[in-house]
């Protein structure tokens, strides 16, 4: 199971918007939490479901280009480059978000991933 705290992930999800209703109230279905780090998120307003991936160590091993991309992301608070990937969501086929933390000032924010978007 992932080492991330469910409440921490749920609090960070408010930084995203639902693909259907565009609101930011989310929950995590604890029954869906798998050993491989895949969880199910749910919008508390329209009940839209989406996957949450918390095993970033495995993800970074199978997607080596992401590590290089993370080094180039600038923090919106301190402008330093380089972030750590905390977890990621696939909100829809057109929107995947990385939840990252600045390595310099520890500011947490989201970054839209263009690597997983399908048109």
PDB file of N, CA and C in Angstrom:
ATOM      1  N   UNK A   1       0.853  -1.185   0.000  1.00  0.00           N
ATOM      2  CA  UNK A   1       0.000   0.000   0.000  1.00  0.00           C
ATOM      3  C   UNK A   1       0.889   1.235   0.000  1.00  0.00           C
ATOM      4  N   UNK A   2       0.394   2.284  -0.540  1.00  0.00           N
ATOM      5  CA  UNK A   2       1.132   3.537  -0.638  1.00  0.00           C
ATOM      6  C   UNK A   2       1.403   4.115   0.745  1.00  0.00           C
ATOM      7  N   UNK A   3       2.510   4.843   0.860  1.00  0.00           N
ATOM      8  CA  UNK A   3       2.843   5.467   2.133  1.00  0.00           C
ATOM      9  C   UNK A   3       2.157   6.816   2.303  1.00  0.00           C
ATOM     10  N   UNK A   4       1.427   7.270   1.287  1.00  0.00           N
ATOM     11  CA  UNK A   4       0.723   8.536   1.381  1.00  0.00           C
ATOM     12  C   UNK A   4      -0.498   8.402   2.278  1.00  0.00           C
ATOM     13  N   UNK A   5      -0.758   9.454   3.036  1.00  0.00           N
ATOM     14  CA  UNK A   5      -1.915   9.511   3.908  1.00  0.00           C
ATOM     15  C   UNK A   5      -3.148   9.880   3.079  1.00  0.00           C
ATOM     16  N   UNK A   6      -4.247   9.198   3.307  1.00  0.00           N
ATOM     17  CA  UNK A   6      -5.475   9.428   2.544  1.00  0.00           C
ATOM     18  C   UNK A   6      -5.943  10.878   2.709  1.00  0.00           C
ATOM     19  N   UNK A   7      -5.892  11.398   3.920  1.00  0.00           N
ATOM     20  CA  UNK A   7      -6.344  12.769   4.158  1.00  0.00           C
ATOM     21  C   UNK A   7      -5.466  13.774   3.421  1.00  0.00           C
ATOM     22  N   UNK A   8      -4.166  13.514   3.381  1.00  0.00           N
ATOM     23  CA  UNK A   8      -3.233  14.386   2.649  1.00  0.00           C
ATOM     24  C   UNK A   8      -3.606  14.441   1.170  1.00  0.00           C
ATOM     25  N   UNK A   9      -3.837  13.279   0.566  1.00  0.00           N
ATOM     26  CA  UNK A   9      -4.197  13.217  -0.856  1.00  0.00           C
ATOM     27  C   UNK A   9      -5.539  13.907  -1.081  1.00  0.00           C
ATOM     28  N   UNK A  10      -6.494  13.645  -0.222  1.00  0.00           N
ATOM     29  CA  UNK A  10      -7.813  14.254  -0.366  1.00  0.00           C
ATOM     30  C   UNK A  10      -7.732  15.776  -0.260  1.00  0.00           C
ATOM     31  N   UNK A  11      -6.922  16.284   0.649  1.00  0.00           N
ATOM     32  CA  UNK A  11      -6.742  17.735   0.784  1.00  0.00           C
ATOM     33  C   UNK A  11      -6.093  18.333  -0.462  1.00  0.00           C
ATOM     34  N   UNK A  12      -5.114  17.644  -1.015  1.00  0.00           N
ATOM     35  CA  UNK A  12      -4.426  18.137  -2.213  1.00  0.00           C
ATOM     36  C   UNK A  12      -5.327  18.102  -3.444  1.00  0.00           C
ATOM     37  N   UNK A  13      -6.281  17.195  -3.488  1.00  0.00           N
ATOM     38  CA  UNK A  13      -7.172  17.090  -4.641  1.00  0.00           C
ATOM     39  C   UNK A  13      -7.983  18.363  -4.853  1.00  0.00           C
ATOM     40  N   UNK A  14      -8.156  19.189  -3.836  1.00  0.00           N
ATOM     41  CA  UNK A  14      -8.909  20.436  -3.994  1.00  0.00           C
ATOM     42  C   UNK A  14      -8.211  21.390  -4.956  1.00  0.00           C
ATOM     43  N   UNK A  15      -6.965  21.101  -5.310  1.00  0.00           N
ATOM     44  CA  UNK A  15      -6.232  21.922  -6.271  1.00  0.00           C
ATOM     45  C   UNK A  15      -6.630  21.612  -7.712  1.00  0.00           C
ATOM     46  N   UNK A  16      -7.437  20.571  -7.900  1.00  0.00           N
ATOM     47  CA  UNK A  16      -7.897  20.186  -9.239  1.00  0.00           C
ATOM     48  C   UNK A  16      -9.383  20.524  -9.381  1.00  0.00           C
ATOM     49  N   UNK A  17      -9.861  20.471 -10.605  1.00  0.00           N
ATOM     50  CA  UNK A  17     -11.284  20.676 -10.879  1.00  0.00           C
ATOM     51  C   UNK A  17     -11.844  19.426 -11.539  1.00  0.00           C
ATOM     52  N   UNK A  18     -13.058  19.092 -11.182  1.00  0.00           N
ATOM     53  CA  UNK A  18     -13.734  17.930 -11.750  1.00  0.00           C
ATOM     54  C   UNK A  18     -13.884  18.102 -13.260  1.00  0.00           C
ATOM     55  N   UNK A  19     -13.679  17.031 -14.003  1.00  0.00           N
ATOM     56  CA  UNK A  19     -13.800  17.075 -15.461  1.00  0.00           C
ATOM     57  C   UNK A  19     -15.239  17.298 -15.911  1.00  0.00           C
ATOM     58  N   UNK A  20     -16.202  16.989 -15.058  1.00  0.00           N
ATOM     59  CA  UNK A  20     -17.609  17.106 -15.438  1.00  0.00           C
ATOM     60  C   UNK A  20     -18.233  18.404 -14.924  1.00  0.00           C
ATOM     61  N   UNK A  21     -18.209  18.617 -13.600  1.00  0.00           N
ATOM     62  CA  UNK A  21     -18.923  19.761 -13.021  1.00  0.00           C
ATOM     63  C   UNK A  21     -18.021  20.950 -12.690  1.00  0.00           C
ATOM     64  N   UNK A  22     -16.714  20.769 -12.817  1.00  0.00           N
ATOM     65  CA  UNK A  22     -15.706  21.827 -12.595  1.00  0.00           C
ATOM     66  C   UNK A  22     -15.614  22.296 -11.143  1.00  0.00           C
ATOM     67  N   UNK A  23     -16.139  21.522 -10.208  1.00  0.00           N
ATOM     68  CA  UNK A  23     -16.008  21.855  -8.786  1.00  0.00           C
ATOM     69  C   UNK A  23     -14.803  21.123  -8.214  1.00  0.00           C
ATOM     70  N   UNK A  24     -14.449  21.432  -6.975  1.00  0.00           N
ATOM     71  CA  UNK A  24     -13.224  20.887  -6.385  1.00  0.00           C
ATOM     72  C   UNK A  24     -13.462  20.210  -5.037  1.00  0.00           C
ATOM     73  N   UNK A  25     -14.532  19.455  -4.937  1.00  0.00           N
ATOM     74  CA  UNK A  25     -14.803  18.698  -3.701  1.00  0.00           C
ATOM     75  C   UNK A  25     -14.690  17.215  -4.030  1.00  0.00           C
ATOM     76  N   UNK A  26     -13.650  16.590  -3.479  1.00  0.00           N
ATOM     77  CA  UNK A  26     -13.378  15.198  -3.816  1.00  0.00           C
ATOM     78  C   UNK A  26     -13.240  14.342  -2.574  1.00  0.00           C
ATOM     79  N   UNK A  27     -13.512  13.081  -2.759  1.00  0.00           N
ATOM     80  CA  UNK A  27     -13.294  12.080  -1.730  1.00  0.00           C
ATOM     81  C   UNK A  27     -12.527  10.918  -2.328  1.00  0.00           C
ATOM     82  N   UNK A  28     -12.119  10.004  -1.458  1.00  0.00           N
ATOM     83  CA  UNK A  28     -11.419   8.799  -1.893  1.00  0.00           C
ATOM     84  C   UNK A  28     -12.190   7.602  -1.359  1.00  0.00           C
ATOM     85  N   UNK A  29     -12.511   6.694  -2.248  1.00  0.00           N
ATOM     86  CA  UNK A  29     -13.211   5.475  -1.853  1.00  0.00           C
ATOM     87  C   UNK A  29     -12.185   4.522  -1.250  1.00  0.00           C
ATOM     88  N   UNK A  30     -12.204   4.382   0.073  1.00  0.00           N
ATOM     89  CA  UNK A  30     -11.205   3.551   0.753  1.00  0.00           C
ATOM     90  C   UNK A  30     -11.311   2.079   0.366  1.00  0.00           C
ATOM     91  N   UNK A  31     -12.474   1.659  -0.110  1.00  0.00           N
ATOM     92  CA  UNK A  31     -12.641   0.264  -0.553  1.00  0.00           C
ATOM     93  C   UNK A  31     -11.878  -0.019  -1.835  1.00  0.00           C
ATOM     94  N   UNK A  32     -11.524   1.038  -2.559  1.00  0.00           N
ATOM     95  CA  UNK A  32     -10.864   0.871  -3.857  1.00  0.00           C
ATOM     96  C   UNK A  32      -9.341   0.887  -3.765  1.00  0.00           C
ATOM     97  N   UNK A  33      -8.796   1.085  -2.586  1.00  0.00           N
ATOM     98  CA  UNK A  33      -7.341   1.241  -2.433  1.00  0.00           C
ATOM     99  C   UNK A  33      -6.643  -0.103  -2.633  1.00  0.00           C
ATOM    100  N   UNK A  34      -5.900  -0.203  -3.732  1.00  0.00           N
ATOM    101  CA  UNK A  34      -5.227  -1.450  -4.088  1.00  0.00           C
ATOM    102  C   UNK A  34      -3.774  -1.432  -3.627  1.00  0.00           C
ATOM    103  N   UNK A  35      -3.195  -2.594  -3.546  1.00  0.00           N
ATOM    104  CA  UNK A  35      -1.797  -2.749  -3.139  1.00  0.00           C
ATOM    105  C   UNK A  35      -0.824  -2.066  -4.086  1.00  0.00           C
ATOM    106  N   UNK A  36      -1.217  -1.936  -5.356  1.00  0.00           N
ATOM    107  CA  UNK A  36      -0.323  -1.328  -6.342  1.00  0.00           C
ATOM    108  C   UNK A  36      -0.364   0.199  -6.323  1.00  0.00           C
ATOM    109  N   UNK A  37      -1.086   0.796  -5.369  1.00  0.00           N
ATOM    110  CA  UNK A  37      -1.119   2.244  -5.235  1.00  0.00           C
ATOM    111  C   UNK A  37      -2.184   2.928  -6.057  1.00  0.00           C
ATOM    112  N   UNK A  38      -3.081   2.178  -6.678  1.00  0.00           N
ATOM    113  CA  UNK A  38      -4.168   2.794  -7.442  1.00  0.00           C
ATOM    114  C   UNK A  38      -5.385   2.951  -6.548  1.00  0.00           C
ATOM    115  N   UNK A  39      -5.892   4.165  -6.473  1.00  0.00           N
ATOM    116  CA  UNK A  39      -7.074   4.489  -5.685  1.00  0.00           C
ATOM    117  C   UNK A  39      -8.138   5.043  -6.615  1.00  0.00           C
ATOM    118  N   UNK A  40      -9.363   5.142  -6.131  1.00  0.00           N
ATOM    119  CA  UNK A  40     -10.443   5.770  -6.890  1.00  0.00           C
ATOM    120  C   UNK A  40     -10.857   7.051  -6.178  1.00  0.00           C
ATOM    121  N   UNK A  41     -10.796   8.144  -6.940  1.00  0.00           N
ATOM    122  CA  UNK A  41     -11.293   9.413  -6.442  1.00  0.00           C
ATOM    123  C   UNK A  41     -12.713   9.604  -6.929  1.00  0.00           C
ATOM    124  N   UNK A  42     -13.475  10.389  -6.183  1.00  0.00           N
ATOM    125  CA  UNK A  42     -14.855  10.660  -6.564  1.00  0.00           C
ATOM    126  C   UNK A  42     -15.183  12.122  -6.288  1.00  0.00           C
ATOM    127  N   UNK A  43     -15.833  12.748  -7.252  1.00  0.00           N
ATOM    128  CA  UNK A  43     -16.309  14.113  -7.065  1.00  0.00           C
ATOM    129  C   UNK A  43     -17.529  14.031  -6.149  1.00  0.00           C
ATOM    130  N   UNK A  44     -17.531  14.813  -5.088  1.00  0.00           N
ATOM    131  CA  UNK A  44     -18.633  14.768  -4.134  1.00  0.00           C
ATOM    132  C   UNK A  44     -19.854  15.548  -4.607  1.00  0.00           C
ATOM    133  N   UNK A  45     -19.719  16.272  -5.714  1.00  0.00           N
ATOM    134  CA  UNK A  45     -20.849  17.021  -6.248  1.00  0.00           C
ATOM    135  C   UNK A  45     -21.588  16.270  -7.348  1.00  0.00           C
ATOM    136  N   UNK A  46     -20.854  15.654  -8.283  1.00  0.00           N
ATOM    137  CA  UNK A  46     -21.526  14.972  -9.400  1.00  0.00           C
ATOM    138  C   UNK A  46     -21.246  13.464  -9.440  1.00  0.00           C
ATOM    139  N   UNK A  47     -20.427  12.965  -8.512  1.00  0.00           N
ATOM    140  CA  UNK A  47     -20.113  11.543  -8.365  1.00  0.00           C
ATOM    141  C   UNK A  47     -19.294  10.959  -9.514  1.00  0.00           C
ATOM    142  N   UNK A  48     -18.583  11.806 -10.236  1.00  0.00           N
ATOM    143  CA  UNK A  48     -17.661  11.356 -11.281  1.00  0.00           C
ATOM    144  C   UNK A  48     -16.476  10.645 -10.623  1.00  0.00           C
ATOM    145  N   UNK A  49     -16.086   9.489 -11.163  1.00  0.00           N
ATOM    146  CA  UNK A  49     -14.959   8.713 -10.640  1.00  0.00           C
ATOM    147  C   UNK A  49     -13.733   8.889 -11.529  1.00  0.00           C
ATOM    148  N   UNK A  50     -12.558   8.870 -10.919  1.00  0.00           N
ATOM    149  CA  UNK A  50     -11.296   8.975 -11.662  1.00  0.00           C
ATOM    150  C   UNK A  50     -10.203   8.255 -10.875  1.00  0.00           C
ATOM    151  N   UNK A  51      -9.179   7.770 -11.572  1.00  0.00           N
ATOM    152  CA  UNK A  51      -8.101   7.061 -10.882  1.00  0.00           C
ATOM    153  C   UNK A  51      -7.076   8.009 -10.271  1.00  0.00           C
ATOM    154  N   UNK A  52      -6.561   7.596  -9.128  1.00  0.00           N
ATOM    155  CA  UNK A  52      -5.467   8.277  -8.439  1.00  0.00           C
ATOM    156  C   UNK A  52      -4.339   7.258  -8.350  1.00  0.00           C
ATOM    157  N   UNK A  53      -3.145   7.661  -8.747  1.00  0.00           N
ATOM    158  CA  UNK A  53      -1.992   6.757  -8.708  1.00  0.00           C
ATOM    159  C   UNK A  53      -0.999   7.294  -7.679  1.00  0.00           C
ATOM    160  N   UNK A  54      -0.678   6.474  -6.682  1.00  0.00           N
ATOM    161  CA  UNK A  54       0.178   6.931  -5.586  1.00  0.00           C
ATOM    162  C   UNK A  54       1.555   6.286  -5.564  1.00  0.00           C
ATOM    163  N   UNK A  55       1.781   5.238  -6.341  1.00  0.00           N
ATOM    164  CA  UNK A  55       3.092   4.580  -6.366  1.00  0.00           C
ATOM    165  C   UNK A  55       3.978   5.264  -7.403  1.00  0.00           C
ATOM    166  N   UNK A  56       4.600   6.352  -7.004  1.00  0.00           N
ATOM    167  CA  UNK A  56       5.397   7.134  -7.941  1.00  0.00           C
ATOM    168  C   UNK A  56       6.776   6.539  -8.181  1.00  0.00           C
ATOM    169  N   UNK A  57       7.277   5.756  -7.273  1.00  0.00           N
ATOM    170  CA  UNK A  57       8.569   5.092  -7.483  1.00  0.00           C
ATOM    171  C   UNK A  57       8.486   4.152  -8.688  1.00  0.00           C
ATOM    172  N   UNK A  58       7.440   3.349  -8.736  1.00  0.00           N
ATOM    173  CA  UNK A  58       7.236   2.442  -9.862  1.00  0.00           C
ATOM    174  C   UNK A  58       6.994   3.234 -11.145  1.00  0.00           C
ATOM    175  N   UNK A  59       6.160   4.256 -11.078  1.00  0.00           N
ATOM    176  CA  UNK A  59       5.828   5.064 -12.249  1.00  0.00           C
ATOM    177  C   UNK A  59       7.076   5.704 -12.851  1.00  0.00           C
ATOM    178  N   UNK A  60       7.940   6.242 -12.015  1.00  0.00           N
ATOM    179  CA  UNK A  60       9.156   6.884 -12.511  1.00  0.00           C
ATOM    180  C   UNK A  60      10.133   5.878 -13.122  1.00  0.00           C
ATOM    181  N   UNK A  61      10.084   4.630 -12.664  1.00  0.00           N
ATOM    182  CA  UNK A  61      10.929   3.584 -13.264  1.00  0.00           C
ATOM    183  C   UNK A  61      10.457   3.222 -14.663  1.00  0.00           C
ATOM    184  N   UNK A  62       9.141   3.207 -14.868  1.00  0.00           N
ATOM    185  CA  UNK A  62       8.626   2.800 -16.182  1.00  0.00           C
ATOM    186  C   UNK A  62       8.462   3.986 -17.131  1.00  0.00           C
ATOM    187  N   UNK A  63       8.558   5.201 -16.625  1.00  0.00           N
ATOM    188  CA  UNK A  63       8.443   6.415 -17.437  1.00  0.00           C
ATOM    189  C   UNK A  63       9.668   7.303 -17.190  1.00  0.00           C
ATOM    190  N   UNK A  64      10.834   6.908 -17.663  1.00  0.00           N
ATOM    191  CA  UNK A  64      12.062   7.647 -17.338  1.00  0.00           C
ATOM    192  C   UNK A  64      12.081   9.096 -17.831  1.00  0.00           C
ATOM    193  N   UNK A  65      11.338   9.414 -18.882  1.00  0.00           N
ATOM    194  CA  UNK A  65      11.305  10.795 -19.379  1.00  0.00           C
ATOM    195  C   UNK A  65      10.677  11.759 -18.370  1.00  0.00           C
ATOM    196  N   UNK A  66       9.795  11.250 -17.536  1.00  0.00           N
ATOM    197  CA  UNK A  66       9.123  12.102 -16.555  1.00  0.00           C
ATOM    198  C   UNK A  66      10.136  12.704 -15.584  1.00  0.00           C
ATOM    199  N   UNK A  67      11.156  11.953 -15.202  1.00  0.00           N
ATOM    200  CA  UNK A  67      12.172  12.464 -14.274  1.00  0.00           C
ATOM    201  C   UNK A  67      12.862  13.700 -14.826  1.00  0.00           C
ATOM    202  N   UNK A  68      13.145  13.700 -16.113  1.00  0.00           N
ATOM    203  CA  UNK A  68      13.776  14.863 -16.736  1.00  0.00           C
ATOM    204  C   UNK A  68      12.821  16.048 -16.776  1.00  0.00           C
ATOM    205  N   UNK A  69      11.558  15.768 -17.055  1.00  0.00           N
ATOM    206  CA  UNK A  69      10.553  16.819 -17.112  1.00  0.00           C
ATOM    207  C   UNK A  69      10.355  17.463 -15.738  1.00  0.00           C
ATOM    208  N   UNK A  70      10.375  16.654 -14.676  1.00  0.00           N
ATOM    209  CA  UNK A  70      10.209  17.173 -13.313  1.00  0.00           C
ATOM    210  C   UNK A  70      11.324  18.138 -12.928  1.00  0.00           C
ATOM    211  N   UNK A  71      12.520  17.919 -13.451  1.00  0.00           N
ATOM    212  CA  UNK A  71      13.653  18.802 -13.149  1.00  0.00           C
ATOM    213  C   UNK A  71      13.496  20.176 -13.776  1.00  0.00           C
ATOM    214  N   UNK A  72      12.629  20.295 -14.790  1.00  0.00           N
ATOM    215  CA  UNK A  72      12.446  21.554 -15.504  1.00  0.00           C
ATOM    216  C   UNK A  72      11.243  22.368 -15.028  1.00  0.00           C
ATOM    217  N   UNK A  73      10.413  21.793 -14.185  1.00  0.00           N
ATOM    218  CA  UNK A  73       9.223  22.508 -13.713  1.00  0.00           C
ATOM    219  C   UNK A  73       9.641  23.584 -12.713  1.00  0.00           C
ATOM    220  N   UNK A  74       9.153  24.801 -12.937  1.00  0.00           N
ATOM    221  CA  UNK A  74       9.454  25.925 -12.048  1.00  0.00           C
ATOM    222  C   UNK A  74       8.366  26.065 -10.988  1.00  0.00           C
ATOM    223  N   UNK A  75       8.784  26.355  -9.788  1.00  0.00           N
ATOM    224  CA  UNK A  75       7.858  26.577  -8.684  1.00  0.00           C
ATOM    225  C   UNK A  75       7.183  27.947  -8.866  1.00  0.00           C
ATOM    226  N   UNK A  76       5.865  28.025  -8.739  1.00  0.00           N
ATOM    227  CA  UNK A  76       5.192  29.316  -8.884  1.00  0.00           C
ATOM    228  C   UNK A  76       5.464  30.261  -7.710  1.00  0.00           C
ATOM    229  N   UNK A  77       5.970  29.737  -6.605  1.00  0.00           N
ATOM    230  CA  UNK A  77       6.232  30.558  -5.427  1.00  0.00           C
ATOM    231  C   UNK A  77       7.647  31.122  -5.412  1.00  0.00           C
ATOM    232  N   UNK A  78       8.645  30.266  -5.609  1.00  0.00           N
ATOM    233  CA  UNK A  78      10.039  30.718  -5.496  1.00  0.00           C
ATOM    234  C   UNK A  78      10.786  30.739  -6.834  1.00  0.00           C
ATOM    235  N   UNK A  79      10.183  30.215  -7.890  1.00  0.00           N
ATOM    236  CA  UNK A  79      10.740  30.178  -9.252  1.00  0.00           C
ATOM    237  C   UNK A  79      11.930  29.243  -9.432  1.00  0.00           C
ATOM    238  N   UNK A  80      12.284  28.477  -8.427  1.00  0.00           N
ATOM    239  CA  UNK A  80      13.351  27.491  -8.600  1.00  0.00           C
ATOM    240  C   UNK A  80      12.838  26.321  -9.423  1.00  0.00           C
ATOM    241  N   UNK A  81      13.738  25.676 -10.149  1.00  0.00           N
ATOM    242  CA  UNK A  81      13.376  24.514 -10.963  1.00  0.00           C
ATOM    243  C   UNK A  81      13.655  23.227 -10.183  1.00  0.00           C
ATOM    244  N   UNK A  82      12.779  22.270 -10.389  1.00  0.00           N
ATOM    245  CA  UNK A  82      12.946  20.956  -9.786  1.00  0.00           C
ATOM    246  C   UNK A  82      11.877  20.658  -8.751  1.00  0.00           C
ATOM    247  N   UNK A  83      11.104  19.602  -9.001  1.00  0.00           N
ATOM    248  CA  UNK A  83      10.033  19.199  -8.092  1.00  0.00           C
ATOM    249  C   UNK A  83      10.080  17.694  -7.880  1.00  0.00           C
ATOM    250  N   UNK A  84       9.448  17.252  -6.815  1.00  0.00           N
ATOM    251  CA  UNK A  84       9.257  15.820  -6.586  1.00  0.00           C
ATOM    252  C   UNK A  84       7.800  15.498  -6.882  1.00  0.00           C
ATOM    253  N   UNK A  85       7.574  14.333  -7.428  1.00  0.00           N
ATOM    254  CA  UNK A  85       6.227  13.894  -7.794  1.00  0.00           C
ATOM    255  C   UNK A  85       5.618  13.155  -6.609  1.00  0.00           C
ATOM    256  N   UNK A  86       4.523  13.698  -6.066  1.00  0.00           N
ATOM    257  CA  UNK A  86       3.869  13.102  -4.906  1.00  0.00           C
ATOM    258  C   UNK A  86       2.861  12.033  -5.318  1.00  0.00           C
ATOM    259  N   UNK A  87       1.980  12.378  -6.248  1.00  0.00           N
ATOM    260  CA  UNK A  87       1.015  11.439  -6.820  1.00  0.00           C
ATOM    261  C   UNK A  87       0.447  12.061  -8.083  1.00  0.00           C
ATOM    262  N   UNK A  88      -0.340  11.287  -8.825  1.00  0.00           N
ATOM    263  CA  UNK A  88      -0.903  11.805 -10.061  1.00  0.00           C
ATOM    264  C   UNK A  88      -2.330  11.302 -10.221  1.00  0.00           C
ATOM    265  N   UNK A  89      -3.114  12.055 -10.995  1.00  0.00           N
ATOM    266  CA  UNK A  89      -4.481  11.647 -11.301  1.00  0.00           C
ATOM    267  C   UNK A  89      -4.685  11.739 -12.806  1.00  0.00           C
ATOM    268  N   UNK A  90      -5.620  10.954 -13.301  1.00  0.00           N
ATOM    269  CA  UNK A  90      -6.050  11.064 -14.691  1.00  0.00           C
ATOM    270  C   UNK A  90      -7.516  11.469 -14.605  1.00  0.00           C
ATOM    271  N   UNK A  91      -7.753  12.783 -14.672  1.00  0.00           N
ATOM    272  CA  UNK A  91      -9.104  13.313 -14.495  1.00  0.00           C
ATOM    273  C   UNK A  91     -10.000  12.971 -15.678  1.00  0.00           C
ATOM    274  N   UNK A  92      -9.429  12.937 -16.873  1.00  0.00           N
ATOM    275  CA  UNK A  92     -10.190  12.565 -18.070  1.00  0.00           C
ATOM    276  C   UNK A  92      -9.175  12.174 -19.139  1.00  0.00           C
ATOM    277  N   UNK A  93      -9.657  11.787 -20.307  1.00  0.00           N
ATOM    278  CA  UNK A  93      -8.724  11.430 -21.372  1.00  0.00           C
ATOM    279  C   UNK A  93      -7.937  12.641 -21.866  1.00  0.00           C
ATOM    280  N   UNK A  94      -8.366  13.823 -21.520  1.00  0.00           N
ATOM    281  CA  UNK A  94      -7.674  15.039 -21.940  1.00  0.00           C
ATOM    282  C   UNK A  94      -6.964  15.754 -20.807  1.00  0.00           C
ATOM    283  N   UNK A  95      -7.052  15.235 -19.590  1.00  0.00           N
ATOM    284  CA  UNK A  95      -6.413  15.916 -18.473  1.00  0.00           C
ATOM    285  C   UNK A  95      -5.824  14.941 -17.471  1.00  0.00           C
ATOM    286  N   UNK A  96      -4.520  15.004 -17.349  1.00  0.00           N
ATOM    287  CA  UNK A  96      -3.790  14.261 -16.339  1.00  0.00           C
ATOM    288  C   UNK A  96      -3.011  15.287 -15.520  1.00  0.00           C
ATOM    289  N   UNK A  97      -3.057  15.169 -14.211  1.00  0.00           N
ATOM    290  CA  UNK A  97      -2.389  16.142 -13.343  1.00  0.00           C
ATOM    291  C   UNK A  97      -1.375  15.465 -12.439  1.00  0.00           C
ATOM    292  N   UNK A  98      -0.233  16.131 -12.333  1.00  0.00           N
ATOM    293  CA  UNK A  98       0.787  15.726 -11.376  1.00  0.00           C
ATOM    294  C   UNK A  98       0.674  16.621 -10.151  1.00  0.00           C
ATOM    295  N   UNK A  99       0.700  16.037  -8.991  1.00  0.00           N
ATOM    296  CA  UNK A  99       0.720  16.778  -7.734  1.00  0.00           C
ATOM    297  C   UNK A  99       2.167  16.734  -7.257  1.00  0.00           C
ATOM    298  N   UNK A 100       2.799  17.882  -7.270  1.00  0.00           N
ATOM    299  CA  UNK A 100       4.237  17.972  -7.053  1.00  0.00           C
ATOM    300  C   UNK A 100       4.557  18.892  -5.875  1.00  0.00           C
ATOM    301  N   UNK A 101       5.815  18.790  -5.398  1.00  0.00           N
ATOM    302  CA  UNK A 101       6.309  19.638  -4.326  1.00  0.00           C
ATOM    303  C   UNK A 101       7.668  20.177  -4.742  1.00  0.00           C
ATOM    304  N   UNK A 102       7.852  21.492  -4.586  1.00  0.00           N
ATOM    305  CA  UNK A 102       9.124  22.133  -4.921  1.00  0.00           C
ATOM    306  C   UNK A 102      10.224  21.588  -4.019  1.00  0.00           C
ATOM    307  N   UNK A 103      11.345  21.228  -4.605  1.00  0.00           N
ATOM    308  CA  UNK A 103      12.469  20.701  -3.831  1.00  0.00           C
ATOM    309  C   UNK A 103      13.155  21.791  -3.018  1.00  0.00           C
ATOM    310  N   UNK A 104      12.995  23.055  -3.407  1.00  0.00           N
ATOM    311  CA  UNK A 104      13.669  24.157  -2.726  1.00  0.00           C
ATOM    312  C   UNK A 104      12.855  24.704  -1.544  1.00  0.00           C
ATOM    313  N   UNK A 105      11.602  25.106  -1.790  1.00  0.00           N
ATOM    314  CA  UNK A 105      10.810  25.760  -0.734  1.00  0.00           C
ATOM    315  C   UNK A 105       9.697  24.878  -0.167  1.00  0.00           C
ATOM    316  N   UNK A 106       9.527  23.667  -0.713  1.00  0.00           N
ATOM    317  CA  UNK A 106       8.523  22.695  -0.265  1.00  0.00           C
ATOM    318  C   UNK A 106       7.077  23.122  -0.541  1.00  0.00           C
ATOM    319  N   UNK A 107       6.883  24.057  -1.464  1.00  0.00           N
ATOM    320  CA  UNK A 107       5.540  24.479  -1.865  1.00  0.00           C
ATOM    321  C   UNK A 107       4.908  23.372  -2.705  1.00  0.00           C
ATOM    322  N   UNK A 108       3.649  23.039  -2.422  1.00  0.00           N
ATOM    323  CA  UNK A 108       2.930  22.002  -3.154  1.00  0.00           C
ATOM    324  C   UNK A 108       1.988  22.636  -4.163  1.00  0.00           C
ATOM    325  N   UNK A 109       1.980  22.095  -5.378  1.00  0.00           N
ATOM    326  CA  UNK A 109       1.108  22.603  -6.430  1.00  0.00           C
ATOM    327  C   UNK A 109       0.868  21.506  -7.450  1.00  0.00           C
ATOM    328  N   UNK A 110       0.021  21.781  -8.438  1.00  0.00           N
ATOM    329  CA  UNK A 110      -0.255  20.794  -9.482  1.00  0.00           C
ATOM    330  C   UNK A 110       0.326  21.273 -10.808  1.00  0.00           C
ATOM    331  N   UNK A 111       0.593  20.322 -11.638  1.00  0.00           N
ATOM    332  CA  UNK A 111       1.123  20.608 -12.971  1.00  0.00           C
ATOM    333  C   UNK A 111       0.370  19.726 -13.960  1.00  0.00           C
ATOM    334  N   UNK A 112      -0.106  20.316 -15.024  1.00  0.00           N
ATOM    335  CA  UNK A 112      -0.783  19.565 -16.067  1.00  0.00           C
ATOM    336  C   UNK A 112       0.244  18.731 -16.816  1.00  0.00           C
ATOM    337  N   UNK A 113      -0.043  17.453 -16.988  1.00  0.00           N
ATOM    338  CA  UNK A 113       0.862  16.565 -17.701  1.00  0.00           C
ATOM    339  C   UNK A 113       0.433  16.449 -19.153  1.00  0.00           C
ATOM    340  N   UNK A 114       1.330  16.779 -20.051  1.00  0.00           N
ATOM    341  CA  UNK A 114       1.051  16.630 -21.468  1.00  0.00           C
ATOM    342  C   UNK A 114       1.514  15.279 -21.971  1.00  0.00           C
ATOM    343  N   UNK A 115       2.130  14.491 -21.109  1.00  0.00           N
ATOM    344  CA  UNK A 115       2.695  13.212 -21.523  1.00  0.00           C
ATOM    345  C   UNK A 115       1.645  12.106 -21.610  1.00  0.00           C
ATOM    346  N   UNK A 116       0.496  12.308 -20.972  1.00  0.00           N
ATOM    347  CA  UNK A 116      -0.515  11.239 -20.928  1.00  0.00           C
ATOM    348  C   UNK A 116      -1.835  11.635 -21.532  1.00  0.00           C
ATOM    349  N   UNK A 117      -1.899  12.767 -22.175  1.00  0.00           N
ATOM    350  CA  UNK A 117      -3.153  13.240 -22.731  1.00  0.00           C
ATOM    351  C   UNK A 117      -3.366  12.597 -24.091  1.00  0.00           C
ATOM    352  N   UNK A 118      -4.559  12.083 -24.290  1.00  0.00           N
ATOM    353  CA  UNK A 118      -4.892  11.419 -25.552  1.00  0.00           C
ATOM    354  C   UNK A 118      -5.914  12.261 -26.297  1.00  0.00           C
ATOM    355  N   UNK A 119      -5.681  12.500 -27.548  1.00  0.00           N
ATOM    356  CA  UNK A 119      -6.636  13.262 -28.359  1.00  0.00           C
ATOM    357  C   UNK A 119      -7.354  12.341 -29.311  1.00  0.00           C
TER     358      UNK A 119
END
